[in-house]
Protein backbone atom coordinates (compact mmCIF):
# COMPACT_ATOMS: atom_id res chain seq x y z
CA MET A 1 13.42 34.75 16.33
CA ARG A 2 13.66 31.22 15.57
CA LYS A 3 9.73 29.55 15.34
CA PRO A 4 9.26 27.26 18.24
CA ARG A 5 8.69 23.34 17.11
CA ASP A 6 5.24 21.80 17.13
CA TYR A 7 6.54 18.42 18.82
CA ASP A 8 3.09 17.25 18.84
CA ALA A 9 1.95 17.74 15.18
CA GLU A 10 5.61 16.16 14.44
CA LEU A 11 5.05 12.99 16.60
CA HIS A 12 1.32 12.79 15.08
CA ALA A 13 3.22 12.99 11.67
CA LEU A 14 5.60 10.10 12.43
CA THR A 15 2.69 8.39 14.10
CA ASP A 16 0.89 8.11 10.76
CA LYS A 17 3.89 7.40 8.72
CA ALA A 18 4.52 4.38 10.86
CA LYS A 19 1.19 3.33 10.49
CA ALA A 20 1.14 3.71 6.80
CA LEU A 21 4.67 1.59 6.73
CA LYS A 22 2.67 -1.15 8.85
CA ALA A 23 -0.44 -1.26 6.27
CA ARG A 24 2.02 -1.30 3.43
CA LYS A 25 3.98 -4.25 4.93
CA GLN A 26 0.76 -6.06 5.86
CA THR A 27 -0.51 -5.34 2.10
CA GLN A 28 2.94 -6.78 0.51
CA LEU A 29 2.95 -10.02 2.85
CA GLY A 30 -0.60 -10.83 1.53
CA GLU A 31 0.39 -10.32 -2.23
CA LEU A 32 3.38 -12.35 -1.75
CA VAL A 33 1.57 -15.28 -0.14
CA ILE A 34 -0.70 -15.12 -3.32
CA ALA A 35 1.91 -14.45 -5.83
CA THR A 36 3.65 -17.79 -4.38
CA GLY A 37 0.57 -19.53 -4.02
CA ALA A 38 0.54 -20.35 -0.46
CA ASP A 39 -2.73 -18.95 -0.62
CA ALA A 40 -3.86 -22.52 -1.20
CA LEU A 41 -2.87 -23.86 2.06
CA SER A 42 -4.81 -23.82 4.85
CA ILE A 43 -4.22 -20.80 7.73
CA GLU A 44 -2.80 -23.35 10.17
CA GLN A 45 -0.58 -24.87 7.30
CA LEU A 46 0.88 -21.60 6.37
CA ALA A 47 1.47 -20.47 9.98
CA GLY A 48 3.09 -23.89 10.60
CA ALA A 49 5.18 -23.61 7.83
CA LEU A 50 6.18 -19.87 8.90
CA LEU A 51 6.83 -21.09 12.14
CA ASP A 52 9.51 -23.50 10.71
CA ALA A 53 10.92 -21.35 8.85
CA VAL A 54 11.71 -18.69 11.49
CA GLY A 55 13.21 -21.61 13.71
CA ALA A 56 15.46 -23.05 10.36
CA GLY A 57 19.10 -22.98 10.75
CA ALA A 58 21.32 -20.39 8.38
CA GLY A 59 22.17 -22.47 5.83
CA VAL A 60 18.64 -23.52 5.20
CA LYS A 61 17.76 -19.76 4.97
CA GLU A 62 20.37 -18.99 2.89
CA ALA A 63 19.06 -21.59 0.45
CA TRP A 64 15.68 -20.20 0.43
CA ARG A 65 16.89 -16.68 0.19
CA LYS A 66 18.72 -17.84 -3.36
CA THR A 67 15.30 -19.47 -4.16
CA GLY A 68 13.20 -16.14 -3.15
CA ALA A 69 15.64 -13.84 -5.34
CA ALA A 70 15.19 -16.41 -8.30
CA PHE A 71 11.89 -16.09 -7.96
CA PHE A 72 11.73 -12.17 -8.04
CA ARG A 73 14.13 -11.89 -10.79
CA ASP A 74 12.46 -14.33 -12.96
CA ARG A 75 8.85 -12.55 -12.12
CA GLY A 76 10.76 -9.32 -13.25
CA ALA A 77 12.03 -11.06 -16.53
CA ARG A 78 8.34 -12.49 -16.92
CA ALA A 79 6.96 -9.20 -16.66
CA ARG A 80 9.51 -7.22 -19.04
CA LYS A 81 9.06 -9.68 -21.61
CA GLY A 82 5.18 -9.30 -21.09
CA ALA A 83 5.43 -5.52 -21.43
CA ARG A 84 7.34 -5.90 -24.81
CA SER A 85 4.86 -8.10 -26.74
CA ASN A 86 1.23 -6.57 -26.28
CA ALA A 87 -0.56 -9.50 -26.78
CA GLY A 88 -1.18 -11.61 -23.21
CA GLY A 89 0.58 -9.37 -20.96
CA ALA A 90 -1.57 -10.33 -17.98
CA SER A 91 -1.32 -13.55 -18.81
CA ALA A 92 2.31 -13.82 -18.45
CA SER A 93 2.01 -12.55 -14.97
CA ASP A 94 -0.57 -14.91 -14.11
CA ALA A 95 1.99 -17.88 -14.91
CA GLY A 96 4.52 -16.37 -13.11
CA ALA A 97 2.09 -16.50 -9.99
CA GLN A 98 1.10 -19.88 -10.49
CA SER A 99 4.25 -21.76 -11.56
CA PRO A 100 6.26 -20.96 -8.53
CA ALA A 101 3.66 -22.61 -6.32
CA GLY A 102 5.06 -26.38 -6.84
CA GLU A 103 8.44 -25.18 -6.08
CA ALA A 104 7.22 -23.65 -3.00
CA GLY A 105 5.60 -26.91 -1.94
CA ALA A 106 8.63 -28.73 -2.69
CA ALA A 107 10.54 -26.96 -0.62
């Protein structure tokens, strides 16, 4: 005979998983703000920039996508390069977090 399903337990597990995913997403967004140097902006400036980004056209968003992909690609290359050389590995990632800030402000 089959064991009856515990729908309450399954729903609770799914709810917990959804909460964990939401918390992870919030953490990653915060890390992204810091990595790009956008944490130097006031909260009002950052909110305004994000609202403008949401309303931007498809062409602008595609250009931003390419810039963002290059940011992550370059950041990964710096991390691999820093891992190969034992000296200054942490400073290589710190430099990566600071240099794109000028680019983000120009865009």
